[in-house]
């Protein structure tokens, strides 16, 4: 018994429908089988041709009506009688293998190109990884440098704290400087007053020299008078003594009037 079936639907191609049908034919011991993907007015169609025992064909028909591949979408199945030749199922399997191989060859070529691209990318990636590895080899040294920087930073912080502690004394130093300046100003005022007083010393020295000269002359006169004194001139001697006493009193009075400053000897 021969049978033809046309399975139409929006998704009956490229879902493994022909292999699905061949498997059902083999399970019913049908030795003549072939299936083809075709286009018709209905759209995508799978045309199936079988030839075998009547019971087996009927069982096959029931399976075709009942089961479909998981990813398929079937809208219509039409059965019809068929009088033509049907390919042996083994030959059809080889035919399908050839078709699939023809489909696979472009895919394999694409896969080969993709593998080449992947290999090239892998080589480039390996190059980048080596560069990254080279860079990461610096990490231990960087870590040591960071530790050294941290240690230096801690020492610097310690120094800054010490400086801060010293600079905390600056306000007090400023106050002390102000006090010293004030004392200096007062001292300068006193020194100016002393300077004003000491400006009189040269004149006093001259006055002392004049007094000393007068005293020396007076002493010379007295000595001369002493030599001239005779026992008969007692009254004159007494008068001279009185004059000397008066001169001495006058000299002592002049000395007492001078300020108490050290006397500069000539």
C-alpha atoms as a PDB file:
ATOM      1  CA  UNK A   1       0.000   0.000   0.000  1.00  0.00           C
ATOM      2  CA  UNK A   2       1.274   3.437  -0.958  1.00  0.00           C
ATOM      3  CA  UNK A   3       0.428   6.701   0.738  1.00  0.00           C
ATOM      4  CA  UNK A   4       1.264  10.364   0.242  1.00  0.00           C
ATOM      5  CA  UNK A   5       0.881  13.001   2.965  1.00  0.00           C
ATOM      6  CA  UNK A   6       1.391  16.754   2.787  1.00  0.00           C
ATOM      7  CA  UNK A   7       2.006  18.473   6.129  1.00  0.00           C
ATOM      8  CA  UNK A   8       1.598  22.265   5.932  1.00  0.00           C
ATOM      9  CA  UNK A   9       2.056  24.943   8.525  1.00  0.00           C
ATOM     10  CA  UNK A  10       3.954  28.113   9.457  1.00  0.00           C
ATOM     11  CA  UNK A  11       6.775  26.076  11.003  1.00  0.00           C
ATOM     12  CA  UNK A  12       7.340  22.657   9.429  1.00  0.00           C
ATOM     13  CA  UNK A  13      10.773  23.258   7.855  1.00  0.00           C
ATOM     14  CA  UNK A  14      14.063  23.181   9.797  1.00  0.00           C
ATOM     15  CA  UNK A  15      12.486  21.551  12.830  1.00  0.00           C
ATOM     16  CA  UNK A  16      13.620  17.977  12.125  1.00  0.00           C
ATOM     17  CA  UNK A  17      10.257  16.957  10.699  1.00  0.00           C
ATOM     18  CA  UNK A  18      11.632  14.574   8.023  1.00  0.00           C
ATOM     19  CA  UNK A  19      13.764  12.680  10.549  1.00  0.00           C
ATOM     20  CA  UNK A  20      10.838  12.602  12.899  1.00  0.00           C
ATOM     21  CA  UNK A  21       8.679  10.954  10.166  1.00  0.00           C
ATOM     22  CA  UNK A  22      11.475   8.538   9.161  1.00  0.00           C
ATOM     23  CA  UNK A  23      11.781   7.392  12.768  1.00  0.00           C
ATOM     24  CA  UNK A  24       8.000   6.675  12.918  1.00  0.00           C
ATOM     25  CA  UNK A  25       8.229   4.733   9.611  1.00  0.00           C
ATOM     26  CA  UNK A  26      11.119   2.620  10.861  1.00  0.00           C
ATOM     27  CA  UNK A  27       9.231   1.902  14.097  1.00  0.00           C
ATOM     28  CA  UNK A  28       6.408   0.433  11.948  1.00  0.00           C
ATOM     29  CA  UNK A  29       8.873  -1.601   9.812  1.00  0.00           C
ATOM     30  CA  UNK A  30       8.159   0.388   6.660  1.00  0.00           C
ATOM     31  CA  UNK A  31      11.011  -0.202   4.255  1.00  0.00           C
ATOM     32  CA  UNK A  32      10.099   2.337   1.564  1.00  0.00           C
ATOM     33  CA  UNK A  33      10.104   5.948   2.707  1.00  0.00           C
ATOM     34  CA  UNK A  34      11.061   9.409   1.614  1.00  0.00           C
ATOM     35  CA  UNK A  35      10.174  12.967   2.691  1.00  0.00           C
ATOM     36  CA  UNK A  36      10.970  16.355   1.162  1.00  0.00           C
ATOM     37  CA  UNK A  37      10.661  20.022   2.158  1.00  0.00           C
ATOM     38  CA  UNK A  38       8.665  21.825  -0.521  1.00  0.00           C
ATOM     39  CA  UNK A  39       6.941  25.121  -1.252  1.00  0.00           C
ATOM     40  CA  UNK A  40       3.312  25.322  -2.406  1.00  0.00           C
ATOM     41  CA  UNK A  41       0.414  27.739  -2.440  1.00  0.00           C
ATOM     42  CA  UNK A  42      -0.095  26.802   1.182  1.00  0.00           C
ATOM     43  CA  UNK A  43       3.431  27.877   2.075  1.00  0.00           C
ATOM     44  CA  UNK A  44       5.951  25.524   3.633  1.00  0.00           C
ATOM     45  CA  UNK A  45       5.030  21.854   3.128  1.00  0.00           C
ATOM     46  CA  UNK A  46       6.611  18.525   4.022  1.00  0.00           C
ATOM     47  CA  UNK A  47       5.677  15.879   1.425  1.00  0.00           C
ATOM     48  CA  UNK A  48       5.888  12.269   2.685  1.00  0.00           C
ATOM     49  CA  UNK A  49       5.797   9.118   0.525  1.00  0.00           C
ATOM     50  CA  UNK A  50       5.554   5.594   2.003  1.00  0.00           C
ATOM     51  CA  UNK A  51       5.079   2.094   0.581  1.00  0.00           C
ATOM     52  CA  UNK A  52       4.539  -0.993   2.708  1.00  0.00           C
ATOM     53  CA  UNK A  53       2.147  -3.361   4.408  1.00  0.00           C
ATOM     54  CA  UNK A  54      -1.376  -1.956   4.687  1.00  0.00           C
ATOM     55  CA  UNK A  55      -1.502  -2.306   8.457  1.00  0.00           C
ATOM     56  CA  UNK A  56       1.844  -0.635   8.822  1.00  0.00           C
ATOM     57  CA  UNK A  57       0.784   2.234   6.543  1.00  0.00           C
ATOM     58  CA  UNK A  58      -2.414   2.764   8.529  1.00  0.00           C
ATOM     59  CA  UNK A  59      -0.487   2.791  11.804  1.00  0.00           C
ATOM     60  CA  UNK A  60       1.961   5.280  10.280  1.00  0.00           C
ATOM     61  CA  UNK A  61      -0.909   7.523   9.199  1.00  0.00           C
ATOM     62  CA  UNK A  62      -2.285   7.538  12.742  1.00  0.00           C
ATOM     63  CA  UNK A  63       1.077   8.545  14.143  1.00  0.00           C
ATOM     64  CA  UNK A  64       1.434  11.351  11.571  1.00  0.00           C
ATOM     65  CA  UNK A  65      -1.971  12.734  12.552  1.00  0.00           C
ATOM     66  CA  UNK A  66      -1.257  12.453  16.271  1.00  0.00           C
ATOM     67  CA  UNK A  67       2.365  13.454  16.826  1.00  0.00           C
ATOM     68  CA  UNK A  68       4.495  16.378  15.668  1.00  0.00           C
ATOM     69  CA  UNK A  69       8.040  17.556  16.431  1.00  0.00           C
ATOM     70  CA  UNK A  70       8.301  19.740  19.524  1.00  0.00           C
ATOM     71  CA  UNK A  71       9.268  22.931  17.702  1.00  0.00           C
ATOM     72  CA  UNK A  72       6.830  22.499  14.788  1.00  0.00           C
ATOM     73  CA  UNK A  73       3.608  24.418  14.102  1.00  0.00           C
ATOM     74  CA  UNK A  74       1.213  22.400  11.873  1.00  0.00           C
ATOM     75  CA  UNK A  75      -1.957  23.865  10.378  1.00  0.00           C
ATOM     76  CA  UNK A  76      -3.036  21.111   7.989  1.00  0.00           C
ATOM     77  CA  UNK A  77      -2.275  17.448   7.022  1.00  0.00           C
ATOM     78  CA  UNK A  78      -3.642  16.028   3.749  1.00  0.00           C
ATOM     79  CA  UNK A  79      -3.384  12.320   2.813  1.00  0.00           C
ATOM     80  CA  UNK A  80      -3.696  10.967  -0.727  1.00  0.00           C
ATOM     81  CA  UNK A  81      -3.036   7.811  -2.745  1.00  0.00           C
ATOM     82  CA  UNK A  82       0.245   7.590  -4.626  1.00  0.00           C
ATOM     83  CA  UNK A  83       1.272   5.370  -7.518  1.00  0.00           C
ATOM     84  CA  UNK A  84       4.883   6.393  -8.093  1.00  0.00           C
ATOM     85  CA  UNK A  85       8.138   4.850  -6.937  1.00  0.00           C
ATOM     86  CA  UNK A  86       9.277   5.302  -3.346  1.00  0.00           C
ATOM     87  CA  UNK A  87      12.936   5.294  -2.279  1.00  0.00           C
ATOM     88  CA  UNK A  88      14.211   2.627   0.066  1.00  0.00           C
ATOM     89  CA  UNK A  89      14.421   3.984   3.597  1.00  0.00           C
ATOM     90  CA  UNK A  90      18.154   3.157   3.827  1.00  0.00           C
ATOM     91  CA  UNK A  91      18.885   5.048   0.616  1.00  0.00           C
ATOM     92  CA  UNK A  92      16.767   7.920   1.888  1.00  0.00           C
ATOM     93  CA  UNK A  93      18.795   7.979   5.120  1.00  0.00           C
ATOM     94  CA  UNK A  94      21.984   8.301   3.051  1.00  0.00           C
ATOM     95  CA  UNK A  95      20.297  10.973   0.940  1.00  0.00           C
ATOM     96  CA  UNK A  96      19.386  12.907   4.089  1.00  0.00           C
ATOM     97  CA  UNK A  97      22.928  12.532   5.400  1.00  0.00           C
ATOM     98  CA  UNK A  98      24.241  14.006   2.158  1.00  0.00           C
ATOM     99  CA  UNK A  99      21.784  16.896   2.363  1.00  0.00           C
ATOM    100  CA  UNK A 100      22.724  17.582   5.958  1.00  0.00           C
ATOM    101  CA  UNK A 101      26.393  17.367   5.100  1.00  0.00           C
ATOM    102  CA  UNK A 102      25.877  19.924   2.323  1.00  0.00           C
ATOM    103  CA  UNK A 103      24.155  22.139   4.872  1.00  0.00           C
ATOM    104  CA  UNK A 104      26.900  21.474   7.390  1.00  0.00           C
ATOM    105  CA  UNK A 105      29.824  22.308   5.079  1.00  0.00           C
ATOM    106  CA  UNK A 106      29.136  26.093   4.978  1.00  0.00           C
ATOM    107  CA  UNK A 107      28.525  26.000   8.698  1.00  0.00           C
ATOM    108  CA  UNK A 108      31.753  24.110   9.226  1.00  0.00           C
ATOM    109  CA  UNK A 109      33.595  26.619   7.068  1.00  0.00           C
ATOM    110  CA  UNK A 110      32.059  29.441   9.079  1.00  0.00           C
ATOM    111  CA  UNK A 111      33.041  27.600  12.238  1.00  0.00           C
ATOM    112  CA  UNK A 112      36.578  27.263  10.889  1.00  0.00           C
ATOM    113  CA  UNK A 113      36.731  30.996  10.202  1.00  0.00           C
ATOM    114  CA  UNK A 114      35.229  31.678  13.595  1.00  0.00           C
ATOM    115  CA  UNK A 115      37.811  29.382  15.185  1.00  0.00           C
ATOM    116  CA  UNK A 116      40.580  31.254  13.376  1.00  0.00           C
ATOM    117  CA  UNK A 117      39.136  34.519  14.589  1.00  0.00           C
ATOM    118  CA  UNK A 118      38.787  33.058  18.080  1.00  0.00           C
ATOM    119  CA  UNK A 119      42.376  31.833  17.942  1.00  0.00           C
ATOM    120  CA  UNK A 120      43.579  35.244  16.782  1.00  0.00           C
ATOM    121  CA  UNK A 121      41.546  36.878  19.512  1.00  0.00           C
ATOM    122  CA  UNK A 122      42.943  34.315  21.939  1.00  0.00           C
ATOM    123  CA  UNK A 123      46.492  35.157  20.883  1.00  0.00           C
ATOM    124  CA  UNK A 124      45.787  38.861  21.286  1.00  0.00           C
ATOM    125  CA  UNK A 125      44.127  38.170  24.616  1.00  0.00           C
ATOM    126  CA  UNK A 126      47.162  36.142  25.700  1.00  0.00           C
ATOM    127  CA  UNK A 127      49.373  39.072  24.684  1.00  0.00           C
ATOM    128  CA  UNK A 128      47.244  41.436  26.719  1.00  0.00           C
ATOM    129  CA  UNK A 129      47.291  39.014  29.657  1.00  0.00           C
ATOM    130  CA  UNK A 130      51.090  38.871  29.471  1.00  0.00           C
ATOM    131  CA  UNK A 131      51.231  42.666  29.530  1.00  0.00           C
ATOM    132  CA  UNK A 132      48.817  42.691  32.457  1.00  0.00           C
ATOM    133  CA  UNK A 133      50.947  40.025  34.156  1.00  0.00           C
ATOM    134  CA  UNK A 134      54.048  42.136  33.601  1.00  0.00           C
ATOM    135  CA  UNK A 135      52.270  45.125  35.079  1.00  0.00           C
ATOM    136  CA  UNK A 136      50.920  43.138  38.015  1.00  0.00           C
ATOM    137  CA  UNK A 137      54.451  41.924  38.753  1.00  0.00           C
ATOM    138  CA  UNK A 138      55.016  45.494  39.905  1.00  0.00           C
ATOM    139  CA  UNK A 139      52.324  45.185  42.575  1.00  0.00           C
ATOM    140  CA  UNK A 140      54.656  43.800  45.311  1.00  0.00           C
ATOM    141  CA  UNK A 141      57.079  46.685  44.743  1.00  0.00           C
ATOM    142  CA  UNK A 142      54.185  49.136  44.688  1.00  0.00           C
ATOM    143  CA  UNK A 143      52.994  47.614  47.966  1.00  0.00           C
ATOM    144  CA  UNK A 144      56.442  48.122  49.511  1.00  0.00           C
ATOM    145  CA  UNK A 145      56.569  51.678  48.178  1.00  0.00           C
ATOM    146  CA  UNK A 146      53.139  52.371  49.662  1.00  0.00           C
ATOM    147  CA  UNK A 147      54.344  51.012  53.024  1.00  0.00           C
ATOM    148  CA  UNK A 148      57.419  53.247  52.822  1.00  0.00           C
ATOM    149  CA  UNK A 149      55.261  56.245  51.895  1.00  0.00           C
ATOM    150  CA  UNK A 150      52.925  55.432  54.773  1.00  0.00           C
ATOM    151  CA  UNK A 151      55.865  55.182  57.173  1.00  0.00           C
ATOM    152  CA  UNK A 152      57.233  58.491  55.886  1.00  0.00           C
ATOM    153  CA  UNK A 153      53.761  59.980  56.199  1.00  0.00           C
ATOM    154  CA  UNK A 154      53.539  58.811  59.828  1.00  0.00           C
ATOM    155  CA  UNK A 155      56.963  60.305  60.565  1.00  0.00           C
ATOM    156  CA  UNK A 156      55.986  63.520  58.814  1.00  0.00           C
ATOM    157  CA  UNK A 157      52.817  63.655  60.874  1.00  0.00           C
ATOM    158  CA  UNK A 158      54.901  63.211  64.011  1.00  0.00           C
ATOM    159  CA  UNK A 159      57.179  66.063  62.972  1.00  0.00           C
ATOM    160  CA  UNK A 160      54.188  68.247  62.156  1.00  0.00           C
ATOM    161  CA  UNK A 161      52.709  67.524  65.593  1.00  0.00           C
ATOM    162  CA  UNK A 162      56.040  68.484  67.190  1.00  0.00           C
ATOM    163  CA  UNK A 163      56.132  71.677  65.109  1.00  0.00           C
ATOM    164  CA  UNK A 164      52.527  72.328  66.097  1.00  0.00           C
ATOM    165  CA  UNK A 165      53.482  71.899  69.731  1.00  0.00           C
ATOM    166  CA  UNK A 166      56.340  74.389  69.312  1.00  0.00           C
ATOM    167  CA  UNK A 167      54.222  76.855  67.376  1.00  0.00           C
ATOM    168  CA  UNK A 168      51.688  76.770  70.192  1.00  0.00           C
ATOM    169  CA  UNK A 169      54.299  78.816  72.092  1.00  0.00           C
ATOM    170  CA  UNK A 170      54.231  81.609  69.481  1.00  0.00           C
ATOM    171  CA  UNK A 171      51.337  83.577  71.081  1.00  0.00           C
ATOM    172  CA  UNK A 172      53.193  83.602  74.417  1.00  0.00           C
ATOM    173  CA  UNK A 173      56.446  84.558  72.656  1.00  0.00           C
ATOM    174  CA  UNK A 174      54.576  87.392  70.934  1.00  0.00           C
ATOM    175  CA  UNK A 175      53.323  88.632  74.291  1.00  0.00           C
ATOM    176  CA  UNK A 176      56.838  88.358  75.737  1.00  0.00           C
ATOM    177  CA  UNK A 177      58.260  90.306  72.773  1.00  0.00           C
ATOM    178  CA  UNK A 178      55.639  93.015  73.312  1.00  0.00           C
ATOM    179  CA  UNK A 179      56.624  93.181  76.989  1.00  0.00           C
ATOM    180  CA  UNK A 180      60.329  93.278  76.066  1.00  0.00           C
ATOM    181  CA  UNK A 181      59.639  96.021  73.534  1.00  0.00           C
ATOM    182  CA  UNK A 182      57.742  98.012  76.120  1.00  0.00           C
ATOM    183  CA  UNK A 183      60.579  97.544  78.606  1.00  0.00           C
ATOM    184  CA  UNK A 184      63.055  98.488  75.862  1.00  0.00           C
ATOM    185  CA  UNK A 185      61.104 101.659  75.126  1.00  0.00           C
ATOM    186  CA  UNK A 186      61.113 102.552  78.806  1.00  0.00           C
ATOM    187  CA  UNK A 187      64.837 101.740  79.072  1.00  0.00           C
ATOM    188  CA  UNK A 188      65.536 103.911  76.015  1.00  0.00           C
ATOM    189  CA  UNK A 189      63.659 106.752  77.683  1.00  0.00           C
ATOM    190  CA  UNK A 190      65.780 106.360  80.817  1.00  0.00           C
ATOM    191  CA  UNK A 191      68.967 106.165  78.742  1.00  0.00           C
ATOM    192  CA  UNK A 192      67.967 109.384  76.921  1.00  0.00           C
ATOM    193  CA  UNK A 193      67.437 111.094  80.290  1.00  0.00           C
ATOM    194  CA  UNK A 194      70.813 109.818  81.507  1.00  0.00           C
ATOM    195  CA  UNK A 195      72.379 110.966  78.226  1.00  0.00           C
ATOM    196  CA  UNK A 196      70.915 114.417  78.751  1.00  0.00           C
ATOM    197  CA  UNK A 197      72.425 114.551  82.229  1.00  0.00           C
ATOM    198  CA  UNK A 198      75.783 113.196  81.117  1.00  0.00           C
ATOM    199  CA  UNK A 199      75.958 115.860  78.417  1.00  0.00           C
ATOM    200  CA  UNK A 200      76.860 118.198  81.338  1.00  0.00           C
ATOM    201  CA  UNK A 201      79.973 116.165  82.254  1.00  0.00           C
ATOM    202  CA  UNK A 202      82.386 117.859  79.773  1.00  0.00           C
ATOM    203  CA  UNK A 203      81.436 121.303  81.113  1.00  0.00           C
ATOM    204  CA  UNK A 204      81.768 120.096  84.695  1.00  0.00           C
ATOM    205  CA  UNK A 205      85.211 118.682  83.822  1.00  0.00           C
ATOM    206  CA  UNK A 206      86.246 122.053  82.412  1.00  0.00           C
ATOM    207  CA  UNK A 207      84.912 123.787  85.514  1.00  0.00           C
ATOM    208  CA  UNK A 208      86.896 121.390  87.729  1.00  0.00           C
ATOM    209  CA  UNK A 209      90.030 122.036  85.696  1.00  0.00           C
ATOM    210  CA  UNK A 210      89.526 125.797  86.085  1.00  0.00           C
ATOM    211  CA  UNK A 211      88.967 125.418  89.834  1.00  0.00           C
ATOM    212  CA  UNK A 212      92.059 123.195  90.106  1.00  0.00           C
ATOM    213  CA  UNK A 213      94.113 125.749  88.174  1.00  0.00           C
ATOM    214  CA  UNK A 214      92.793 128.523  90.433  1.00  0.00           C
ATOM    215  CA  UNK A 215      93.596 126.376  93.478  1.00  0.00           C
ATOM    216  CA  UNK A 216      97.111 125.715  92.181  1.00  0.00           C
ATOM    217  CA  UNK A 217      97.649 129.445  91.608  1.00  0.00           C
ATOM    218  CA  UNK A 218      96.216 130.222  95.036  1.00  0.00           C
ATOM    219  CA  UNK A 219      98.515 127.630  96.607  1.00  0.00           C
ATOM    220  CA  UNK A 220     101.468 129.228  94.813  1.00  0.00           C
ATOM    221  CA  UNK A 221     100.511 132.584  96.134  1.00  0.00           C
ATOM    222  CA  UNK A 222     100.174 131.222  99.626  1.00  0.00           C
ATOM    223  CA  UNK A 223     103.562 129.578  99.459  1.00  0.00           C
ATOM    224  CA  UNK A 224     105.041 132.889  98.262  1.00  0.00           C
ATOM    225  CA  UNK A 225     103.351 134.723 101.039  1.00  0.00           C
ATOM    226  CA  UNK A 226     104.576 132.182 103.543  1.00  0.00           C
ATOM    227  CA  UNK A 227     108.144 132.756 102.537  1.00  0.00           C
ATOM    228  CA  UNK A 228     107.630 136.489 102.883  1.00  0.00           C
ATOM    229  CA  UNK A 229     106.102 136.252 106.305  1.00  0.00           C
ATOM    230  CA  UNK A 230     108.340 137.409 109.070  1.00  0.00           C
ATOM    231  CA  UNK A 231     107.825 137.201 112.837  1.00  0.00           C
ATOM    232  CA  UNK A 232     107.093 140.872 112.849  1.00  0.00           C
ATOM    233  CA  UNK A 233     104.262 140.524 110.495  1.00  0.00           C
ATOM    234  CA  UNK A 234     101.946 138.506 112.719  1.00  0.00           C
ATOM    235  CA  UNK A 235      98.946 140.542 111.887  1.00  0.00           C
ATOM    236  CA  UNK A 236      99.526 140.215 108.212  1.00  0.00           C
ATOM    237  CA  UNK A 237      99.959 136.455 108.609  1.00  0.00           C
ATOM    238  CA  UNK A 238      96.695 136.158 110.418  1.00  0.00           C
ATOM    239  CA  UNK A 239      95.026 138.109 107.644  1.00  0.00           C
ATOM    240  CA  UNK A 240      96.548 135.769 105.064  1.00  0.00           C
ATOM    241  CA  UNK A 241      95.327 132.742 107.009  1.00  0.00           C
ATOM    242  CA  UNK A 242      91.869 134.262 107.058  1.00  0.00           C
ATOM    243  CA  UNK A 243      92.045 134.812 103.345  1.00  0.00           C
ATOM    244  CA  UNK A 244      93.162 131.228 102.762  1.00  0.00           C
ATOM    245  CA  UNK A 245      90.307 129.926 104.915  1.00  0.00           C
ATOM    246  CA  UNK A 246      87.861 132.021 102.898  1.00  0.00           C
ATOM    247  CA  UNK A 247      89.299 130.667  99.660  1.00  0.00           C
ATOM    248  CA  UNK A 248      89.011 127.113 100.988  1.00  0.00           C
ATOM    249  CA  UNK A 249      85.424 127.668 102.032  1.00  0.00           C
ATOM    250  CA  UNK A 250      84.608 129.090  98.643  1.00  0.00           C
ATOM    251  CA  UNK A 251      86.297 126.137  96.906  1.00  0.00           C
ATOM    252  CA  UNK A 252      84.418 123.609  99.085  1.00  0.00           C
ATOM    253  CA  UNK A 253      81.120 125.383  98.377  1.00  0.00           C
ATOM    254  CA  UNK A 254      81.750 125.131  94.600  1.00  0.00           C
ATOM    255  CA  UNK A 255      82.467 121.426  94.856  1.00  0.00           C
ATOM    256  CA  UNK A 256      79.286 120.778  96.824  1.00  0.00           C
ATOM    257  CA  UNK A 257      77.212 122.477  94.107  1.00  0.00           C
ATOM    258  CA  UNK A 258      78.466 120.093  91.359  1.00  0.00           C
ATOM    259  CA  UNK A 259      76.308 116.904  90.559  1.00  0.00           C
ATOM    260  CA  UNK A 260      77.508 113.628  92.040  1.00  0.00           C
ATOM    261  CA  UNK A 261      79.210 112.282  88.833  1.00  0.00           C
ATOM    262  CA  UNK A 262      82.615 110.684  88.572  1.00  0.00           C
ATOM    263  CA  UNK A 263      85.351 113.265  88.034  1.00  0.00           C
ATOM    264  CA  UNK A 264      87.323 112.807  84.847  1.00  0.00           C
ATOM    265  CA  UNK A 265      90.963 113.416  85.532  1.00  0.00           C
ATOM    266  CA  UNK A 266      92.982 115.172  82.813  1.00  0.00           C
END
